[in-house]
PDB file of N, CA and C in Angstrom:
ATOM      1  N   UNK A   1     168.239  48.076  53.224  1.00  0.00           N
ATOM      2  CA  UNK A   1     169.447  47.392  53.611  1.00  0.00           C
ATOM      3  C   UNK A   1     169.251  46.876  55.041  1.00  0.00           C
ATOM      4  N   UNK A   2     169.603  45.623  55.235  1.00  0.00           N
ATOM      5  CA  UNK A   2     169.413  44.997  56.541  1.00  0.00           C
ATOM      6  C   UNK A   2     170.635  45.235  57.427  1.00  0.00           C
ATOM      7  N   UNK A   3     170.416  45.382  58.701  1.00  0.00           N
ATOM      8  CA  UNK A   3     171.488  45.607  59.668  1.00  0.00           C
ATOM      9  C   UNK A   3     171.520  44.455  60.671  1.00  0.00           C
ATOM     10  N   UNK A   4     172.706  44.193  61.202  1.00  0.00           N
ATOM     11  CA  UNK A   4     172.885  43.104  62.179  1.00  0.00           C
ATOM     12  C   UNK A   4     173.495  43.666  63.452  1.00  0.00           C
ATOM     13  N   UNK A   5     173.145  43.064  64.550  1.00  0.00           N
ATOM     14  CA  UNK A   5     173.729  43.482  65.823  1.00  0.00           C
ATOM     15  C   UNK A   5     175.166  42.975  65.901  1.00  0.00           C
ATOM     16  N   UNK A   6     175.986  43.655  66.690  1.00  0.00           N
ATOM     17  CA  UNK A   6     177.369  43.181  66.841  1.00  0.00           C
ATOM     18  C   UNK A   6     177.443  41.742  67.368  1.00  0.00           C
ATOM     19  N   UNK A   7     176.509  41.385  68.233  1.00  0.00           N
ATOM     20  CA  UNK A   7     176.501  40.022  68.773  1.00  0.00           C
ATOM     21  C   UNK A   7     176.233  39.003  67.672  1.00  0.00           C
ATOM     22  N   UNK A   8     175.312  39.366  66.766  1.00  0.00           N
ATOM     23  CA  UNK A   8     174.972  38.458  65.664  1.00  0.00           C
ATOM     24  C   UNK A   8     176.177  38.279  64.743  1.00  0.00           C
ATOM     25  N   UNK A   9     176.914  39.345  64.490  1.00  0.00           N
ATOM     26  CA  UNK A   9     178.106  39.273  63.634  1.00  0.00           C
ATOM     27  C   UNK A   9     179.152  38.374  64.284  1.00  0.00           C
ATOM     28  N   UNK A  10     179.332  38.496  65.604  1.00  0.00           N
ATOM     29  CA  UNK A  10     180.278  37.635  66.329  1.00  0.00           C
ATOM     30  C   UNK A  10     179.823  36.179  66.256  1.00  0.00           C
ATOM     31  N   UNK A  11     178.516  35.958  66.414  1.00  0.00           N
ATOM     32  CA  UNK A  11     177.966  34.602  66.330  1.00  0.00           C
ATOM     33  C   UNK A  11     178.222  33.990  64.942  1.00  0.00           C
ATOM     34  N   UNK A  12     177.992  34.772  63.903  1.00  0.00           N
ATOM     35  CA  UNK A  12     178.229  34.288  62.539  1.00  0.00           C
ATOM     36  C   UNK A  12     179.725  34.021  62.318  1.00  0.00           C
ATOM     37  N   UNK A  13     180.563  34.913  62.830  1.00  0.00           N
ATOM     38  CA  UNK A  13     182.013  34.729  62.717  1.00  0.00           C
ATOM     39  C   UNK A  13     182.469  33.441  63.386  1.00  0.00           C
ATOM     40  N   UNK A  14     181.926  33.163  64.569  1.00  0.00           N
ATOM     41  CA  UNK A  14     182.260  31.920  65.273  1.00  0.00           C
ATOM     42  C   UNK A  14     181.797  30.689  64.499  1.00  0.00           C
ATOM     43  N   UNK A  15     180.611  30.805  63.881  1.00  0.00           N
ATOM     44  CA  UNK A  15     180.100  29.696  63.079  1.00  0.00           C
ATOM     45  C   UNK A  15     181.008  29.439  61.874  1.00  0.00           C
ATOM     46  N   UNK A  16     181.501  30.491  61.264  1.00  0.00           N
ATOM     47  CA  UNK A  16     182.421  30.348  60.124  1.00  0.00           C
ATOM     48  C   UNK A  16     183.722  29.692  60.575  1.00  0.00           C
ATOM     49  N   UNK A  17     184.249  30.132  61.733  1.00  0.00           N
ATOM     50  CA  UNK A  17     185.488  29.540  62.251  1.00  0.00           C
ATOM     51  C   UNK A  17     185.318  28.061  62.569  1.00  0.00           C
ATOM     52  N   UNK A  18     184.140  27.679  63.050  1.00  0.00           N
ATOM     53  CA  UNK A  18     183.889  26.294  63.454  1.00  0.00           C
ATOM     54  C   UNK A  18     183.507  25.381  62.290  1.00  0.00           C
ATOM     55  N   UNK A  19     183.256  25.957  61.128  1.00  0.00           N
ATOM     56  CA  UNK A  19     182.840  25.149  59.970  1.00  0.00           C
ATOM     57  C   UNK A  19     183.964  24.180  59.575  1.00  0.00           C
ATOM     58  N   UNK A  20     183.628  22.921  59.302  1.00  0.00           N
ATOM     59  CA  UNK A  20     184.648  21.941  58.920  1.00  0.00           C
ATOM     60  C   UNK A  20     185.165  22.194  57.500  1.00  0.00           C
ATOM     61  N   UNK A  21     186.376  21.764  57.241  1.00  0.00           N
ATOM     62  CA  UNK A  21     186.944  21.862  55.896  1.00  0.00           C
ATOM     63  C   UNK A  21     186.276  20.823  55.004  1.00  0.00           C
ATOM     64  N   UNK A  22     186.001  21.202  53.793  1.00  0.00           N
ATOM     65  CA  UNK A  22     185.407  20.283  52.830  1.00  0.00           C
ATOM     66  C   UNK A  22     186.472  19.813  51.842  1.00  0.00           C
ATOM     67  N   UNK A  23     186.348  18.584  51.421  1.00  0.00           N
ATOM     68  CA  UNK A  23     187.272  18.041  50.427  1.00  0.00           C
ATOM     69  C   UNK A  23     186.918  18.622  49.059  1.00  0.00           C
ATOM     70  N   UNK A  24     187.926  18.905  48.229  1.00  0.00           N
ATOM     71  CA  UNK A  24     187.615  19.406  46.891  1.00  0.00           C
ATOM     72  C   UNK A  24     186.901  18.329  46.082  1.00  0.00           C
ATOM     73  N   UNK A  25     186.024  18.763  45.191  1.00  0.00           N
ATOM     74  CA  UNK A  25     185.276  17.817  44.378  1.00  0.00           C
ATOM     75  C   UNK A  25     186.166  17.211  43.306  1.00  0.00           C
ATOM     76  N   UNK A  26     187.133  17.967  42.841  1.00  0.00           N
ATOM     77  CA  UNK A  26     188.067  17.476  41.833  1.00  0.00           C
ATOM     78  C   UNK A  26     189.457  18.011  42.135  1.00  0.00           C
ATOM     79  N   UNK A  27     190.454  17.206  41.770  1.00  0.00           N
ATOM     80  CA  UNK A  27     191.850  17.590  41.975  1.00  0.00           C
ATOM     81  C   UNK A  27     192.496  17.695  40.599  1.00  0.00           C
ATOM     82  N   UNK A  28     193.240  18.760  40.333  1.00  0.00           N
ATOM     83  CA  UNK A  28     193.929  18.873  39.039  1.00  0.00           C
ATOM     84  C   UNK A  28     194.906  17.704  38.844  1.00  0.00           C
ATOM     85  N   UNK A  29     195.157  17.373  37.587  1.00  0.00           N
ATOM     86  CA  UNK A  29     196.000  16.226  37.245  1.00  0.00           C
ATOM     87  C   UNK A  29     197.378  16.336  37.900  1.00  0.00           C
ATOM     88  N   UNK A  30     197.981  17.526  37.866  1.00  0.00           N
ATOM     89  CA  UNK A  30     199.328  17.684  38.438  1.00  0.00           C
ATOM     90  C   UNK A  30     199.347  17.358  39.931  1.00  0.00           C
ATOM     91  N   UNK A  31     198.347  17.835  40.652  1.00  0.00           N
ATOM     92  CA  UNK A  31     198.290  17.545  42.097  1.00  0.00           C
ATOM     93  C   UNK A  31     198.019  16.071  42.350  1.00  0.00           C
ATOM     94  N   UNK A  32     197.170  15.478  41.510  1.00  0.00           N
ATOM     95  CA  UNK A  32     196.886  14.048  41.648  1.00  0.00           C
ATOM     96  C   UNK A  32     198.162  13.241  41.441  1.00  0.00           C
ATOM     97  N   UNK A  33     198.952  13.634  40.449  1.00  0.00           N
ATOM     98  CA  UNK A  33     200.219  12.932  40.198  1.00  0.00           C
ATOM     99  C   UNK A  33     201.188  13.109  41.360  1.00  0.00           C
ATOM    100  N   UNK A  34     201.215  14.298  41.940  1.00  0.00           N
ATOM    101  CA  UNK A  34     202.084  14.526  43.099  1.00  0.00           C
ATOM    102  C   UNK A  34     201.681  13.621  44.246  1.00  0.00           C
ATOM    103  N   UNK A  35     200.378  13.472  44.468  1.00  0.00           N
ATOM    104  CA  UNK A  35     199.905  12.625  45.564  1.00  0.00           C
ATOM    105  C   UNK A  35     200.167  11.143  45.290  1.00  0.00           C
ATOM    106  N   UNK A  36     200.129  10.755  44.009  1.00  0.00           N
ATOM    107  CA  UNK A  36     200.290   9.351  43.646  1.00  0.00           C
ATOM    108  C   UNK A  36     201.733   8.967  43.326  1.00  0.00           C
ATOM    109  N   UNK A  37     202.616   9.938  43.193  1.00  0.00           N
ATOM    110  CA  UNK A  37     203.983   9.678  42.730  1.00  0.00           C
ATOM    111  C   UNK A  37     204.710   8.645  43.593  1.00  0.00           C
ATOM    112  N   UNK A  38     204.603   8.762  44.889  1.00  0.00           N
ATOM    113  CA  UNK A  38     205.301   7.841  45.787  1.00  0.00           C
ATOM    114  C   UNK A  38     204.803   6.406  45.579  1.00  0.00           C
ATOM    115  N   UNK A  39     203.494   6.246  45.391  1.00  0.00           N
ATOM    116  CA  UNK A  39     202.927   4.916  45.187  1.00  0.00           C
ATOM    117  C   UNK A  39     203.282   4.373  43.806  1.00  0.00           C
ATOM    118  N   UNK A  40     203.351   5.276  42.821  1.00  0.00           N
ATOM    119  CA  UNK A  40     203.761   4.857  41.477  1.00  0.00           C
ATOM    120  C   UNK A  40     205.199   4.363  41.514  1.00  0.00           C
ATOM    121  N   UNK A  41     206.056   5.079  42.223  1.00  0.00           N
ATOM    122  CA  UNK A  41     207.459   4.651  42.355  1.00  0.00           C
ATOM    123  C   UNK A  41     207.551   3.302  43.066  1.00  0.00           C
ATOM    124  N   UNK A  42     206.726   3.113  44.084  1.00  0.00           N
ATOM    125  CA  UNK A  42     206.737   1.847  44.809  1.00  0.00           C
ATOM    126  C   UNK A  42     206.314   0.698  43.902  1.00  0.00           C
ATOM    127  N   UNK A  43     205.323   0.939  43.043  1.00  0.00           N
ATOM    128  CA  UNK A  43     204.919  -0.103  42.094  1.00  0.00           C
ATOM    129  C   UNK A  43     206.094  -0.527  41.226  1.00  0.00           C
ATOM    130  N   UNK A  44     206.874   0.441  40.815  1.00  0.00           N
ATOM    131  CA  UNK A  44     208.005   0.155  39.927  1.00  0.00           C
ATOM    132  C   UNK A  44     209.194  -0.455  40.679  1.00  0.00           C
ATOM    133  N   UNK A  45     209.604   0.214  41.743  1.00  0.00           N
ATOM    134  CA  UNK A  45     210.858  -0.188  42.397  1.00  0.00           C
ATOM    135  C   UNK A  45     210.705  -1.369  43.363  1.00  0.00           C
ATOM    136  N   UNK A  46     209.549  -1.530  43.979  1.00  0.00           N
ATOM    137  CA  UNK A  46     209.413  -2.635  44.933  1.00  0.00           C
ATOM    138  C   UNK A  46     208.546  -3.780  44.422  1.00  0.00           C
ATOM    139  N   UNK A  47     207.620  -3.464  43.509  1.00  0.00           N
ATOM    140  CA  UNK A  47     206.745  -4.518  42.994  1.00  0.00           C
ATOM    141  C   UNK A  47     207.060  -4.882  41.548  1.00  0.00           C
ATOM    142  N   UNK A  48     208.091  -4.259  40.993  1.00  0.00           N
ATOM    143  CA  UNK A  48     208.633  -4.589  39.667  1.00  0.00           C
ATOM    144  C   UNK A  48     207.658  -4.371  38.511  1.00  0.00           C
ATOM    145  N   UNK A  49     206.766  -3.403  38.618  1.00  0.00           N
ATOM    146  CA  UNK A  49     205.892  -3.054  37.497  1.00  0.00           C
ATOM    147  C   UNK A  49     206.676  -2.218  36.498  1.00  0.00           C
ATOM    148  N   UNK A  50     206.458  -2.461  35.219  1.00  0.00           N
ATOM    149  CA  UNK A  50     207.063  -1.621  34.191  1.00  0.00           C
ATOM    150  C   UNK A  50     206.218  -0.359  34.052  1.00  0.00           C
ATOM    151  N   UNK A  51     206.776   0.693  33.457  1.00  0.00           N
ATOM    152  CA  UNK A  51     205.969   1.904  33.257  1.00  0.00           C
ATOM    153  C   UNK A  51     204.683   1.619  32.471  1.00  0.00           C
ATOM    154  N   UNK A  52     204.761   0.743  31.484  1.00  0.00           N
ATOM    155  CA  UNK A  52     203.576   0.415  30.684  1.00  0.00           C
ATOM    156  C   UNK A  52     202.520  -0.294  31.543  1.00  0.00           C
ATOM    157  N   UNK A  53     202.958  -1.200  32.412  1.00  0.00           N
ATOM    158  CA  UNK A  53     202.022  -1.895  33.300  1.00  0.00           C
ATOM    159  C   UNK A  53     201.371  -0.930  34.296  1.00  0.00           C
ATOM    160  N   UNK A  54     202.142   0.041  34.745  1.00  0.00           N
ATOM    161  CA  UNK A  54     201.598   1.051  35.661  1.00  0.00           C
ATOM    162  C   UNK A  54     200.527   1.871  34.946  1.00  0.00           C
ATOM    163  N   UNK A  55     200.815   2.277  33.698  1.00  0.00           N
ATOM    164  CA  UNK A  55     199.840   3.047  32.921  1.00  0.00           C
ATOM    165  C   UNK A  55     198.550   2.255  32.728  1.00  0.00           C
ATOM    166  N   UNK A  56     198.681   0.969  32.422  1.00  0.00           N
ATOM    167  CA  UNK A  56     197.493   0.127  32.229  1.00  0.00           C
ATOM    168  C   UNK A  56     196.692  -0.001  33.520  1.00  0.00           C
ATOM    169  N   UNK A  57     197.380  -0.164  34.642  1.00  0.00           N
ATOM    170  CA  UNK A  57     196.692  -0.264  35.931  1.00  0.00           C
ATOM    171  C   UNK A  57     195.907   1.011  36.225  1.00  0.00           C
ATOM    172  N   UNK A  58     196.530   2.150  35.992  1.00  0.00           N
ATOM    173  CA  UNK A  58     195.864   3.429  36.255  1.00  0.00           C
ATOM    174  C   UNK A  58     194.684   3.633  35.301  1.00  0.00           C
ATOM    175  N   UNK A  59     194.852   3.190  34.056  1.00  0.00           N
ATOM    176  CA  UNK A  59     193.768   3.349  33.079  1.00  0.00           C
ATOM    177  C   UNK A  59     192.556   2.499  33.445  1.00  0.00           C
ATOM    178  N   UNK A  60     192.760   1.361  34.085  1.00  0.00           N
ATOM    179  CA  UNK A  60     191.612   0.546  34.507  1.00  0.00           C
ATOM    180  C   UNK A  60     190.790   1.266  35.577  1.00  0.00           C
ATOM    181  N   UNK A  61     191.386   2.255  36.220  1.00  0.00           N
ATOM    182  CA  UNK A  61     190.676   3.067  37.213  1.00  0.00           C
ATOM    183  C   UNK A  61     190.320   4.443  36.656  1.00  0.00           C
ATOM    184  N   UNK A  62     190.271   4.519  35.322  1.00  0.00           N
ATOM    185  CA  UNK A  62     189.890   5.743  34.603  1.00  0.00           C
ATOM    186  C   UNK A  62     190.803   6.931  34.898  1.00  0.00           C
ATOM    187  N   UNK A  63     192.066   6.643  35.162  1.00  0.00           N
ATOM    188  CA  UNK A  63     193.065   7.688  35.357  1.00  0.00           C
ATOM    189  C   UNK A  63     193.987   7.630  34.155  1.00  0.00           C
ATOM    190  N   UNK A  64     193.799   8.561  33.236  1.00  0.00           N
ATOM    191  CA  UNK A  64     194.586   8.554  32.005  1.00  0.00           C
ATOM    192  C   UNK A  64     195.890   9.291  32.241  1.00  0.00           C
ATOM    193  N   UNK A  65     196.979   8.604  31.943  1.00  0.00           N
ATOM    194  CA  UNK A  65     198.317   9.172  32.117  1.00  0.00           C
ATOM    195  C   UNK A  65     199.198   8.637  31.007  1.00  0.00           C
ATOM    196  N   UNK A  66     200.046   9.481  30.497  1.00  0.00           N
ATOM    197  CA  UNK A  66     200.924   9.048  29.413  1.00  0.00           C
ATOM    198  C   UNK A  66     202.096   8.251  29.966  1.00  0.00           C
ATOM    199  N   UNK A  67     202.658   7.447  29.112  1.00  0.00           N
ATOM    200  CA  UNK A  67     203.837   6.665  29.477  1.00  0.00           C
ATOM    201  C   UNK A  67     204.998   7.600  29.816  1.00  0.00           C
ATOM    202  N   UNK A  68     205.091   8.702  29.069  1.00  0.00           N
ATOM    203  CA  UNK A  68     206.158   9.684  29.328  1.00  0.00           C
ATOM    204  C   UNK A  68     206.030  10.292  30.721  1.00  0.00           C
ATOM    205  N   UNK A  69     204.801  10.558  31.151  1.00  0.00           N
ATOM    206  CA  UNK A  69     204.594  11.138  32.492  1.00  0.00           C
ATOM    207  C   UNK A  69     205.035  10.155  33.564  1.00  0.00           C
ATOM    208  N   UNK A  70     204.732   8.874  33.375  1.00  0.00           N
ATOM    209  CA  UNK A  70     205.164   7.859  34.341  1.00  0.00           C
ATOM    210  C   UNK A  70     206.678   7.764  34.370  1.00  0.00           C
ATOM    211  N   UNK A  71     207.297   7.787  33.204  1.00  0.00           N
ATOM    212  CA  UNK A  71     208.765   7.721  33.145  1.00  0.00           C
ATOM    213  C   UNK A  71     209.394   8.927  33.831  1.00  0.00           C
ATOM    214  N   UNK A  72     208.766  10.097  33.697  1.00  0.00           N
ATOM    215  CA  UNK A  72     209.280  11.294  34.377  1.00  0.00           C
ATOM    216  C   UNK A  72     209.202  11.146  35.886  1.00  0.00           C
ATOM    217  N   UNK A  73     208.120  10.557  36.364  1.00  0.00           N
ATOM    218  CA  UNK A  73     207.983  10.324  37.813  1.00  0.00           C
ATOM    219  C   UNK A  73     209.075   9.376  38.282  1.00  0.00           C
ATOM    220  N   UNK A  74     209.330   8.339  37.510  1.00  0.00           N
ATOM    221  CA  UNK A  74     210.356   7.364  37.891  1.00  0.00           C
ATOM    222  C   UNK A  74     211.752   7.962  37.795  1.00  0.00           C
ATOM    223  N   UNK A  75     211.979   8.817  36.816  1.00  0.00           N
ATOM    224  CA  UNK A  75     213.290   9.482  36.680  1.00  0.00           C
ATOM    225  C   UNK A  75     213.545  10.404  37.858  1.00  0.00           C
ATOM    226  N   UNK A  76     212.512  11.118  38.277  1.00  0.00           N
ATOM    227  CA  UNK A  76     212.697  12.036  39.402  1.00  0.00           C
ATOM    228  C   UNK A  76     213.080  11.258  40.649  1.00  0.00           C
ATOM    229  N   UNK A  77     212.555  10.041  40.819  1.00  0.00           N
ATOM    230  CA  UNK A  77     212.934   9.192  41.955  1.00  0.00           C
ATOM    231  C   UNK A  77     214.398   8.780  41.838  1.00  0.00           C
ATOM    232  N   UNK A  78     214.811   8.411  40.626  1.00  0.00           N
ATOM    233  CA  UNK A  78     216.200   7.996  40.441  1.00  0.00           C
ATOM    234  C   UNK A  78     217.148   9.135  40.772  1.00  0.00           C
ATOM    235  N   UNK A  79     216.789  10.334  40.352  1.00  0.00           N
ATOM    236  CA  UNK A  79     217.631  11.500  40.650  1.00  0.00           C
ATOM    237  C   UNK A  79     217.676  11.761  42.148  1.00  0.00           C
ATOM    238  N   UNK A  80     216.530  11.618  42.829  1.00  0.00           N
ATOM    239  CA  UNK A  80     216.504  11.822  44.278  1.00  0.00           C
ATOM    240  C   UNK A  80     217.351  10.776  44.985  1.00  0.00           C
ATOM    241  N   UNK A  81     217.302   9.527  44.500  1.00  0.00           N
ATOM    242  CA  UNK A  81     218.090   8.472  45.130  1.00  0.00           C
ATOM    243  C   UNK A  81     219.577   8.761  44.958  1.00  0.00           C
ATOM    244  N   UNK A  82     219.966   9.235  43.764  1.00  0.00           N
ATOM    245  CA  UNK A  82     221.379   9.550  43.532  1.00  0.00           C
ATOM    246  C   UNK A  82     221.837  10.693  44.432  1.00  0.00           C
ATOM    247  N   UNK A  83     220.972  11.718  44.558  1.00  0.00           N
ATOM    248  CA  UNK A  83     221.318  12.856  45.409  1.00  0.00           C
ATOM    249  C   UNK A  83     221.455  12.430  46.862  1.00  0.00           C
ATOM    250  N   UNK A  84     220.544  11.585  47.330  1.00  0.00           N
ATOM    251  CA  UNK A  84     220.627  11.159  48.730  1.00  0.00           C
ATOM    252  C   UNK A  84     221.839  10.260  48.934  1.00  0.00           C
ATOM    253  N   UNK A  85     222.204   9.483  47.915  1.00  0.00           N
ATOM    254  CA  UNK A  85     223.396   8.643  48.026  1.00  0.00           C
ATOM    255  C   UNK A  85     224.645   9.521  48.117  1.00  0.00           C
ATOM    256  N   UNK A  86     224.650  10.625  47.390  1.00  0.00           N
ATOM    257  CA  UNK A  86     225.787  11.540  47.455  1.00  0.00           C
ATOM    258  C   UNK A  86     225.911  12.139  48.850  1.00  0.00           C
ATOM    259  N   UNK A  87     224.778  12.448  49.457  1.00  0.00           N
ATOM    260  CA  UNK A  87     224.803  13.037  50.794  1.00  0.00           C
ATOM    261  C   UNK A  87     225.295  12.039  51.835  1.00  0.00           C
ATOM    262  N   UNK A  88     224.984  10.766  51.636  1.00  0.00           N
ATOM    263  CA  UNK A  88     225.347   9.739  52.601  1.00  0.00           C
ATOM    264  C   UNK A  88     226.815   9.334  52.454  1.00  0.00           C
ATOM    265  N   UNK A  89     227.314   9.304  51.220  1.00  0.00           N
ATOM    266  CA  UNK A  89     228.673   8.869  50.960  1.00  0.00           C
ATOM    267  C   UNK A  89     229.655   9.871  51.554  1.00  0.00           C
ATOM    268  N   UNK A  90     230.519   9.395  52.433  1.00  0.00           N
ATOM    269  CA  UNK A  90     231.488  10.327  53.030  1.00  0.00           C
ATOM    270  C   UNK A  90     232.537  10.742  52.003  1.00  0.00           C
ATOM    271  N   UNK A  91     232.965  11.953  52.103  1.00  0.00           N
ATOM    272  CA  UNK A  91     233.989  12.454  51.198  1.00  0.00           C
ATOM    273  C   UNK A  91     235.353  12.114  51.764  1.00  0.00           C
ATOM    274  N   UNK A  92     236.224  11.682  50.891  1.00  0.00           N
ATOM    275  CA  UNK A  92     237.583  11.352  51.310  1.00  0.00           C
ATOM    276  C   UNK A  92     238.434  12.598  51.122  1.00  0.00           C
ATOM    277  N   UNK A  93     239.061  12.977  52.171  1.00  0.00           N
ATOM    278  CA  UNK A  93     239.911  14.158  52.119  1.00  0.00           C
ATOM    279  C   UNK A  93     241.348  13.700  52.269  1.00  0.00           C
ATOM    280  N   UNK A  94     242.141  14.109  51.324  1.00  0.00           N
ATOM    281  CA  UNK A  94     243.559  13.743  51.399  1.00  0.00           C
ATOM    282  C   UNK A  94     244.283  14.753  52.275  1.00  0.00           C
ATOM    283  N   UNK A  95     245.053  14.206  53.162  1.00  0.00           N
ATOM    284  CA  UNK A  95     245.854  15.085  54.011  1.00  0.00           C
ATOM    285  C   UNK A  95     247.279  15.048  53.494  1.00  0.00           C
ATOM    286  N   UNK A  96     247.833  16.187  53.382  1.00  0.00           N
ATOM    287  CA  UNK A  96     249.207  16.277  52.929  1.00  0.00           C
ATOM    288  C   UNK A  96     250.065  16.671  54.110  1.00  0.00           C
ATOM    289  N   UNK A  97     251.114  15.928  54.277  1.00  0.00           N
ATOM    290  CA  UNK A  97     252.005  16.217  55.384  1.00  0.00           C
ATOM    291  C   UNK A  97     253.160  17.065  54.855  1.00  0.00           C
ATOM    292  N   UNK A  98     253.369  18.146  55.507  1.00  0.00           N
ATOM    293  CA  UNK A  98     254.491  18.997  55.134  1.00  0.00           C
ATOM    294  C   UNK A  98     255.568  18.774  56.175  1.00  0.00           C
ATOM    295  N   UNK A  99     256.734  18.366  55.698  1.00  0.00           N
ATOM    296  CA  UNK A  99     257.823  18.136  56.631  1.00  0.00           C
ATOM    297  C   UNK A  99     258.471  19.476  56.942  1.00  0.00           C
ATOM    298  N   UNK A 100     258.701  19.668  58.189  1.00  0.00           N
ATOM    299  CA  UNK A 100     259.363  20.908  58.559  1.00  0.00           C
ATOM    300  C   UNK A 100     260.798  20.598  58.978  1.00  0.00           C
ATOM    301  N   UNK A 101     261.664  21.440  58.569  1.00  0.00           N
ATOM    302  CA  UNK A 101     263.072  21.259  58.896  1.00  0.00           C
ATOM    303  C   UNK A 101     263.522  22.432  59.743  1.00  0.00           C
ATOM    304  N   UNK A 102     264.334  22.090  60.700  1.00  0.00           N
ATOM    305  CA  UNK A 102     264.902  23.146  61.523  1.00  0.00           C
ATOM    306  C   UNK A 102     266.230  23.566  60.914  1.00  0.00           C
ATOM    307  N   UNK A 103     266.396  24.835  60.840  1.00  0.00           N
ATOM    308  CA  UNK A 103     267.661  25.352  60.309  1.00  0.00           C
ATOM    309  C   UNK A 103     268.451  25.876  61.502  1.00  0.00           C
ATOM    310  N   UNK A 104     269.568  25.273  61.706  1.00  0.00           N
ATOM    311  CA  UNK A 104     270.407  25.701  62.814  1.00  0.00           C
ATOM    312  C   UNK A 104     271.304  26.828  62.339  1.00  0.00           C
ATOM    313  N   UNK A 105     271.221  27.902  63.024  1.00  0.00           N
ATOM    314  CA  UNK A 105     272.106  29.021  62.674  1.00  0.00           C
ATOM    315  C   UNK A 105     273.182  29.113  63.761  1.00  0.00           C
ATOM    316  N   UNK A 106     274.373  29.094  63.348  1.00  0.00           N
ATOM    317  CA  UNK A 106     275.484  29.202  64.292  1.00  0.00           C
ATOM    318  C   UNK A 106     276.181  30.520  64.194  1.00  0.00           C
TER     319      UNK A 106
END
């Protein structure tokens, strides 16, 4: 069994800390969709692509995605837009005035 000096262990530890992060070789489909979702929504909402056209565009780049998955991404955007609109819209509060009467006691 080989032994190392404490200095060597510290040196190796420092080398590990200084090592750069490496990019993953592959990304799971779900994470890829999360990263692309904003751009997919932009294709639809700002560039007027239909879900089918988006699927065809992605397929030309060897990214296979179902039409249903694209529609789900677009639906989630619609729900987020509705929720943010609810937050922005001020609530109207009705105030009720109660008239007070003085009762004179003699």
